[in-house]
Amino acid sequence: MSIKCLKTIINDEAEYVKDDIITNITKEEAERLIKLKVAIKINDKFKRSKQDLKKVYANKYKRNKFAELEGGYEF
């Protein structure tokens, strides 16, 4: 779970200012900060469903096959 700070958040380890994104946080702590209205939950850009990943890989495979047929390779 990732959150975006709406206000300055200070803890023992670090200080986060407005608009900072915190990714290394426990779910319980994130929910507590959201409940206090000092942060909002954001979508994790690296977490995708298996179906989304299959689409990405399928499209990449098609592009690579097309490049191979044209005489070049795409990496």
PDB file of N, CA and C in Angstrom:
ATOM      1  N   MET A   1       0.842  -1.172   0.000  1.00  0.00           N
ATOM      2  CA  MET A   1       0.000   0.000   0.000  1.00  0.00           C
ATOM      3  C   MET A   1       0.891   1.241   0.000  1.00  0.00           C
ATOM      4  N   SER A   2       0.514   2.222  -0.795  1.00  0.00           N
ATOM      5  CA  SER A   2       1.232   3.486  -0.846  1.00  0.00           C
ATOM      6  C   SER A   2       0.285   4.623  -0.497  1.00  0.00           C
ATOM      7  N   ILE A   3       0.849   5.653   0.129  1.00  0.00           N
ATOM      8  CA  ILE A   3       0.044   6.818   0.479  1.00  0.00           C
ATOM      9  C   ILE A   3       0.758   8.093   0.048  1.00  0.00           C
ATOM     10  N   LYS A   4      -0.022   9.149  -0.125  1.00  0.00           N
ATOM     11  CA  LYS A   4       0.512  10.464  -0.466  1.00  0.00           C
ATOM     12  C   LYS A   4       0.206  11.397   0.695  1.00  0.00           C
ATOM     13  N   CYS A   5       1.219  12.103   1.159  1.00  0.00           N
ATOM     14  CA  CYS A   5       1.072  12.997   2.306  1.00  0.00           C
ATOM     15  C   CYS A   5       0.294  14.257   1.919  1.00  0.00           C
ATOM     16  N   LEU A   6      -0.647  14.623   2.758  1.00  0.00           N
ATOM     17  CA  LEU A   6      -1.382  15.875   2.580  1.00  0.00           C
ATOM     18  C   LEU A   6      -0.806  16.973   3.460  1.00  0.00           C
ATOM     19  N   LYS A   7      -0.108  16.569   4.509  1.00  0.00           N
ATOM     20  CA  LYS A   7       0.552  17.488   5.437  1.00  0.00           C
ATOM     21  C   LYS A   7       1.888  16.880   5.810  1.00  0.00           C
ATOM     22  N   THR A   8       2.705  17.621   6.547  1.00  0.00           N
ATOM     23  CA  THR A   8       3.984  17.095   7.003  1.00  0.00           C
ATOM     24  C   THR A   8       3.752  15.993   8.026  1.00  0.00           C
ATOM     25  N   ILE A   9       4.447  14.867   7.836  1.00  0.00           N
ATOM     26  CA  ILE A   9       4.353  13.729   8.742  1.00  0.00           C
ATOM     27  C   ILE A   9       5.760  13.454   9.263  1.00  0.00           C
ATOM     28  N   ILE A  10       5.894  13.421  10.582  1.00  0.00           N
ATOM     29  CA  ILE A  10       7.195  13.176  11.203  1.00  0.00           C
ATOM     30  C   ILE A  10       7.088  11.910  12.043  1.00  0.00           C
ATOM     31  N   ASN A  11       8.042  10.990  11.841  1.00  0.00           N
ATOM     32  CA  ASN A  11       8.126   9.825  12.717  1.00  0.00           C
ATOM     33  C   ASN A  11       9.572   9.649  13.144  1.00  0.00           C
ATOM     34  N   ASP A  12       9.872   8.556  13.824  1.00  0.00           N
ATOM     35  CA  ASP A  12      11.231   8.334  14.343  1.00  0.00           C
ATOM     36  C   ASP A  12      12.271   8.220  13.246  1.00  0.00           C
ATOM     37  N   GLU A  13      11.879   7.680  12.096  1.00  0.00           N
ATOM     38  CA  GLU A  13      12.845   7.399  11.042  1.00  0.00           C
ATOM     39  C   GLU A  13      13.014   8.520  10.025  1.00  0.00           C
ATOM     40  N   ALA A  14      11.940   9.241   9.717  1.00  0.00           N
ATOM     41  CA  ALA A  14      12.021  10.220   8.638  1.00  0.00           C
ATOM     42  C   ALA A  14      10.954  11.296   8.779  1.00  0.00           C
ATOM     43  N   GLU A  15      11.110  12.325   7.945  1.00  0.00           N
ATOM     44  CA  GLU A  15      10.122  13.395   7.873  1.00  0.00           C
ATOM     45  C   GLU A  15       9.626  13.471   6.436  1.00  0.00           C
ATOM     46  N   TYR A  16       8.325  13.438   6.280  1.00  0.00           N
ATOM     47  CA  TYR A  16       7.716  13.503   4.960  1.00  0.00           C
ATOM     48  C   TYR A  16       6.929  14.800   4.857  1.00  0.00           C
ATOM     49  N   VAL A  17       7.105  15.521   3.765  1.00  0.00           N
ATOM     50  CA  VAL A  17       6.392  16.780   3.566  1.00  0.00           C
ATOM     51  C   VAL A  17       5.220  16.568   2.618  1.00  0.00           C
ATOM     52  N   LYS A  18       4.420  17.594   2.460  1.00  0.00           N
ATOM     53  CA  LYS A  18       3.240  17.514   1.595  1.00  0.00           C
ATOM     54  C   LYS A  18       3.642  17.027   0.202  1.00  0.00           C
ATOM     55  N   ASP A  19       2.833  16.152  -0.364  1.00  0.00           N
ATOM     56  CA  ASP A  19       2.993  15.559  -1.694  1.00  0.00           C
ATOM     57  C   ASP A  19       4.061  14.470  -1.777  1.00  0.00           C
ATOM     58  N   ASP A  20       4.729  14.142  -0.665  1.00  0.00           N
ATOM     59  CA  ASP A  20       5.643  12.999  -0.678  1.00  0.00           C
ATOM     60  C   ASP A  20       4.836  11.717  -0.767  1.00  0.00           C
ATOM     61  N   ILE A  21       5.404  10.698  -1.397  1.00  0.00           N
ATOM     62  CA  ILE A  21       4.751   9.393  -1.504  1.00  0.00           C
ATOM     63  C   ILE A  21       5.519   8.415  -0.628  1.00  0.00           C
ATOM     64  N   ILE A  22       4.792   7.738   0.254  1.00  0.00           N
ATOM     65  CA  ILE A  22       5.385   6.760   1.157  1.00  0.00           C
ATOM     66  C   ILE A  22       4.982   5.370   0.666  1.00  0.00           C
ATOM     67  N   THR A  23       5.980   4.561   0.342  1.00  0.00           N
ATOM     68  CA  THR A  23       5.689   3.217  -0.165  1.00  0.00           C
ATOM     69  C   THR A  23       6.037   2.134   0.849  1.00  0.00           C
ATOM     70  N   ASN A  24       6.988   2.392   1.712  1.00  0.00           N
ATOM     71  CA  ASN A  24       7.413   1.368   2.678  1.00  0.00           C
ATOM     72  C   ASN A  24       6.696   1.598   4.004  1.00  0.00           C
ATOM     73  N   ILE A  25       5.411   1.274   4.021  1.00  0.00           N
ATOM     74  CA  ILE A  25       4.583   1.497   5.204  1.00  0.00           C
ATOM     75  C   ILE A  25       3.644   0.312   5.371  1.00  0.00           C
ATOM     76  N   THR A  26       3.384  -0.019   6.616  1.00  0.00           N
ATOM     77  CA  THR A  26       2.467  -1.124   6.868  1.00  0.00           C
ATOM     78  C   THR A  26       1.038  -0.686   6.575  1.00  0.00           C
ATOM     79  N   LYS A  27       0.191  -1.652   6.318  1.00  0.00           N
ATOM     80  CA  LYS A  27      -1.205  -1.365   6.006  1.00  0.00           C
ATOM     81  C   LYS A  27      -1.891  -0.683   7.187  1.00  0.00           C
ATOM     82  N   GLU A  28      -1.603  -1.152   8.391  1.00  0.00           N
ATOM     83  CA  GLU A  28      -2.221  -0.579   9.586  1.00  0.00           C
ATOM     84  C   GLU A  28      -1.819   0.885   9.779  1.00  0.00           C
ATOM     85  N   GLU A  29      -0.542   1.165   9.607  1.00  0.00           N
ATOM     86  CA  GLU A  29      -0.057   2.540   9.769  1.00  0.00           C
ATOM     87  C   GLU A  29      -0.621   3.454   8.680  1.00  0.00           C
ATOM     88  N   ALA A  30      -0.698   2.946   7.457  1.00  0.00           N
ATOM     89  CA  ALA A  30      -1.263   3.733   6.363  1.00  0.00           C
ATOM     90  C   ALA A  30      -2.732   4.059   6.642  1.00  0.00           C
ATOM     91  N   GLU A  31      -3.484   3.064   7.096  1.00  0.00           N
ATOM     92  CA  GLU A  31      -4.893   3.295   7.403  1.00  0.00           C
ATOM     93  C   GLU A  31      -5.059   4.297   8.538  1.00  0.00           C
ATOM     94  N   ARG A  32      -4.161   4.260   9.520  1.00  0.00           N
ATOM     95  CA  ARG A  32      -4.209   5.221  10.626  1.00  0.00           C
ATOM     96  C   ARG A  32      -3.984   6.648  10.124  1.00  0.00           C
ATOM     97  N   LEU A  33      -3.010   6.830   9.254  1.00  0.00           N
ATOM     98  CA  LEU A  33      -2.726   8.167   8.714  1.00  0.00           C
ATOM     99  C   LEU A  33      -3.866   8.657   7.826  1.00  0.00           C
ATOM    100  N   ILE A  34      -4.481   7.756   7.083  1.00  0.00           N
ATOM    101  CA  ILE A  34      -5.622   8.129   6.238  1.00  0.00           C
ATOM    102  C   ILE A  34      -6.795   8.550   7.122  1.00  0.00           C
ATOM    103  N   LYS A  35      -7.017   7.808   8.206  1.00  0.00           N
ATOM    104  CA  LYS A  35      -8.099   8.135   9.127  1.00  0.00           C
ATOM    105  C   LYS A  35      -7.874   9.497   9.799  1.00  0.00           C
ATOM    106  N   LEU A  36      -6.603   9.844  10.040  1.00  0.00           N
ATOM    107  CA  LEU A  36      -6.260  11.148  10.626  1.00  0.00           C
ATOM    108  C   LEU A  36      -6.326  12.285   9.600  1.00  0.00           C
ATOM    109  N   LYS A  37      -6.549  11.932   8.345  1.00  0.00           N
ATOM    110  CA  LYS A  37      -6.665  12.874   7.229  1.00  0.00           C
ATOM    111  C   LYS A  37      -5.388  13.673   6.971  1.00  0.00           C
ATOM    112  N   VAL A  38      -4.249  13.004   7.168  1.00  0.00           N
ATOM    113  CA  VAL A  38      -2.965  13.613   6.823  1.00  0.00           C
ATOM    114  C   VAL A  38      -2.353  12.939   5.597  1.00  0.00           C
ATOM    115  N   ALA A  39      -3.064  11.911   5.067  1.00  0.00           N
ATOM    116  CA  ALA A  39      -2.585  11.195   3.880  1.00  0.00           C
ATOM    117  C   ALA A  39      -3.776  10.604   3.146  1.00  0.00           C
ATOM    118  N   ILE A  40      -3.541  10.306   1.862  1.00  0.00           N
ATOM    119  CA  ILE A  40      -4.558   9.625   1.063  1.00  0.00           C
ATOM    120  C   ILE A  40      -3.922   8.395   0.425  1.00  0.00           C
ATOM    121  N   LYS A  41      -4.752   7.395   0.172  1.00  0.00           N
ATOM    122  CA  LYS A  41      -4.276   6.177  -0.479  1.00  0.00           C
ATOM    123  C   LYS A  41      -4.143   6.430  -1.971  1.00  0.00           C
ATOM    124  N   ILE A  42      -3.059   5.931  -2.541  1.00  0.00           N
ATOM    125  CA  ILE A  42      -2.869   6.046  -3.987  1.00  0.00           C
ATOM    126  C   ILE A  42      -2.663   4.654  -4.554  1.00  0.00           C
ATOM    127  N   ASN A  43      -2.887   4.510  -5.825  1.00  0.00           N
ATOM    128  CA  ASN A  43      -2.667   3.231  -6.498  1.00  0.00           C
ATOM    129  C   ASN A  43      -1.183   2.985  -6.624  1.00  0.00           C
ATOM    130  N   ASP A  44      -0.784   1.763  -6.345  1.00  0.00           N
ATOM    131  CA  ASP A  44       0.612   1.386  -6.551  1.00  0.00           C
ATOM    132  C   ASP A  44       0.847   1.158  -8.025  1.00  0.00           C
ATOM    133  N   LYS A  45       1.767   1.902  -8.586  1.00  0.00           N
ATOM    134  CA  LYS A  45       1.971   1.793 -10.028  1.00  0.00           C
ATOM    135  C   LYS A  45       2.666   0.503 -10.433  1.00  0.00           C
ATOM    136  N   PHE A  46       3.259  -0.214  -9.473  1.00  0.00           N
ATOM    137  CA  PHE A  46       3.935  -1.460  -9.816  1.00  0.00           C
ATOM    138  C   PHE A  46       3.070  -2.680  -9.552  1.00  0.00           C
ATOM    139  N   LYS A  47       1.924  -2.481  -8.947  1.00  0.00           N
ATOM    140  CA  LYS A  47       1.033  -3.601  -8.681  1.00  0.00           C
ATOM    141  C   LYS A  47      -0.030  -3.640  -9.757  1.00  0.00           C
ATOM    142  N   ARG A  48      -0.046  -4.717 -10.508  1.00  0.00           N
ATOM    143  CA  ARG A  48      -1.018  -4.890 -11.576  1.00  0.00           C
ATOM    144  C   ARG A  48      -1.651  -6.252 -11.447  1.00  0.00           C
ATOM    145  N   SER A  49      -2.832  -6.375 -11.948  1.00  0.00           N
ATOM    146  CA  SER A  49      -3.492  -7.672 -11.928  1.00  0.00           C
ATOM    147  C   SER A  49      -2.814  -8.595 -12.933  1.00  0.00           C
ATOM    148  N   LYS A  50      -3.025  -9.879 -12.753  1.00  0.00           N
ATOM    149  CA  LYS A  50      -2.426 -10.851 -13.681  1.00  0.00           C
ATOM    150  C   LYS A  50      -2.946 -10.650 -15.095  1.00  0.00           C
ATOM    151  N   GLN A  51      -4.215 -10.270 -15.210  1.00  0.00           N
ATOM    152  CA  GLN A  51      -4.795 -10.052 -16.532  1.00  0.00           C
ATOM    153  C   GLN A  51      -4.118  -8.870 -17.231  1.00  0.00           C
ATOM    154  N   ASP A  52      -3.840  -7.788 -16.496  1.00  0.00           N
ATOM    155  CA  ASP A  52      -3.144  -6.646 -17.080  1.00  0.00           C
ATOM    156  C   ASP A  52      -1.751  -7.040 -17.545  1.00  0.00           C
ATOM    157  N   LEU A  53      -1.050  -7.813 -16.735  1.00  0.00           N
ATOM    158  CA  LEU A  53       0.299  -8.238 -17.106  1.00  0.00           C
ATOM    159  C   LEU A  53       0.287  -9.123 -18.344  1.00  0.00           C
ATOM    160  N   LYS A  54      -0.712  -9.991 -18.455  1.00  0.00           N
ATOM    161  CA  LYS A  54      -0.812 -10.848 -19.642  1.00  0.00           C
ATOM    162  C   LYS A  54      -0.987 -10.010 -20.902  1.00  0.00           C
ATOM    163  N   LYS A  55      -1.780  -8.921 -20.816  1.00  0.00           N
ATOM    164  CA  LYS A  55      -1.979  -8.037 -21.967  1.00  0.00           C
ATOM    165  C   LYS A  55      -0.677  -7.357 -22.358  1.00  0.00           C
ATOM    166  N   VAL A  56       0.071  -6.883 -21.367  1.00  0.00           N
ATOM    167  CA  VAL A  56       1.348  -6.211 -21.639  1.00  0.00           C
ATOM    168  C   VAL A  56       2.306  -7.167 -22.329  1.00  0.00           C
ATOM    169  N   TYR A  57       2.433  -8.388 -21.792  1.00  0.00           N
ATOM    170  CA  TYR A  57       3.354  -9.359 -22.380  1.00  0.00           C
ATOM    171  C   TYR A  57       2.899  -9.791 -23.768  1.00  0.00           C
ATOM    172  N   ALA A  58       1.586  -9.936 -23.973  1.00  0.00           N
ATOM    173  CA  ALA A  58       1.074 -10.332 -25.288  1.00  0.00           C
ATOM    174  C   ALA A  58       1.390  -9.263 -26.321  1.00  0.00           C
ATOM    175  N   ASN A  59       1.198  -8.002 -25.963  1.00  0.00           N
ATOM    176  CA  ASN A  59       1.499  -6.908 -26.897  1.00  0.00           C
ATOM    177  C   ASN A  59       2.986  -6.838 -27.195  1.00  0.00           C
ATOM    178  N   LYS A  60       3.821  -7.045 -26.198  1.00  0.00           N
ATOM    179  CA  LYS A  60       5.267  -7.020 -26.415  1.00  0.00           C
ATOM    180  C   LYS A  60       5.673  -8.178 -27.325  1.00  0.00           C
ATOM    181  N   TYR A  61       5.071  -9.353 -27.127  1.00  0.00           N
ATOM    182  CA  TYR A  61       5.374 -10.508 -27.962  1.00  0.00           C
ATOM    183  C   TYR A  61       4.992 -10.225 -29.413  1.00  0.00           C
ATOM    184  N   LYS A  62       3.821  -9.617 -29.621  1.00  0.00           N
ATOM    185  CA  LYS A  62       3.385  -9.292 -30.984  1.00  0.00           C
ATOM    186  C   LYS A  62       4.345  -8.314 -31.645  1.00  0.00           C
ATOM    187  N   ARG A  63       4.788  -7.293 -30.907  1.00  0.00           N
ATOM    188  CA  ARG A  63       5.723  -6.309 -31.468  1.00  0.00           C
ATOM    189  C   ARG A  63       7.037  -6.973 -31.834  1.00  0.00           C
ATOM    190  N   ASN A  64       7.525  -7.871 -30.957  1.00  0.00           N
ATOM    191  CA  ASN A  64       8.783  -8.559 -31.228  1.00  0.00           C
ATOM    192  C   ASN A  64       8.664  -9.476 -32.447  1.00  0.00           C
ATOM    193  N   LYS A  65       7.529 -10.165 -32.574  1.00  0.00           N
ATOM    194  CA  LYS A  65       7.321 -11.038 -33.728  1.00  0.00           C
ATOM    195  C   LYS A  65       7.281 -10.227 -35.021  1.00  0.00           C
ATOM    196  N   PHE A  66       6.610  -9.086 -34.989  1.00  0.00           N
ATOM    197  CA  PHE A  66       6.527  -8.232 -36.160  1.00  0.00           C
ATOM    198  C   PHE A  66       7.911  -7.711 -36.532  1.00  0.00           C
ATOM    199  N   ALA A  67       8.684  -7.292 -35.550  1.00  0.00           N
ATOM    200  CA  ALA A  67      10.042  -6.803 -35.811  1.00  0.00           C
ATOM    201  C   ALA A  67      10.908  -7.903 -36.382  1.00  0.00           C
ATOM    202  N   GLU A  68      10.720  -9.127 -35.892  1.00  0.00           N
ATOM    203  CA  GLU A  68      11.482 -10.256 -36.382  1.00  0.00           C
ATOM    204  C   GLU A  68      11.166 -10.525 -37.854  1.00  0.00           C
ATOM    205  N   LEU A  69       9.905 -10.427 -38.206  1.00  0.00           N
ATOM    206  CA  LEU A  69       9.499 -10.647 -39.595  1.00  0.00           C
ATOM    207  C   LEU A  69      10.039  -9.558 -40.516  1.00  0.00           C
ATOM    208  N   GLU A  70      10.178  -8.358 -39.991  1.00  0.00           N
ATOM    209  CA  GLU A  70      10.686  -7.234 -40.768  1.00  0.00           C
ATOM    210  C   GLU A  70      12.221  -7.249 -40.862  1.00  0.00           C
ATOM    211  N   GLY A  71      12.858  -8.159 -40.130  1.00  0.00           N
ATOM    212  CA  GLY A  71      14.311  -8.267 -40.192  1.00  0.00           C
ATOM    213  C   GLY A  71      15.043  -7.598 -39.039  1.00  0.00           C
ATOM    214  N   GLY A  72      14.322  -7.104 -38.090  1.00  0.00           N
ATOM    215  CA  GLY A  72      14.955  -6.481 -36.928  1.00  0.00           C
ATOM    216  C   GLY A  72      14.373  -7.051 -35.655  1.00  0.00           C
ATOM    217  N   TYR A  73      15.028  -6.767 -34.568  1.00  0.00           N
ATOM    218  CA  TYR A  73      14.565  -7.235 -33.275  1.00  0.00           C
ATOM    219  C   TYR A  73      14.367  -6.045 -32.362  1.00  0.00           C
ATOM    220  N   GLU A  74      13.373  -6.160 -31.475  1.00  0.00           N
ATOM    221  CA  GLU A  74      13.118  -5.096 -30.503  1.00  0.00           C
ATOM    222  C   GLU A  74      13.367  -5.674 -29.110  1.00  0.00           C
ATOM    223  N   PHE A  75      14.153  -4.975 -28.337  1.00  0.00           N
ATOM    224  CA  PHE A  75      14.454  -5.433 -26.977  1.00  0.00           C
ATOM    225  C   PHE A  75      13.841  -4.521 -25.972  1.00  0.00           C
TER     226      PHE A  75
END
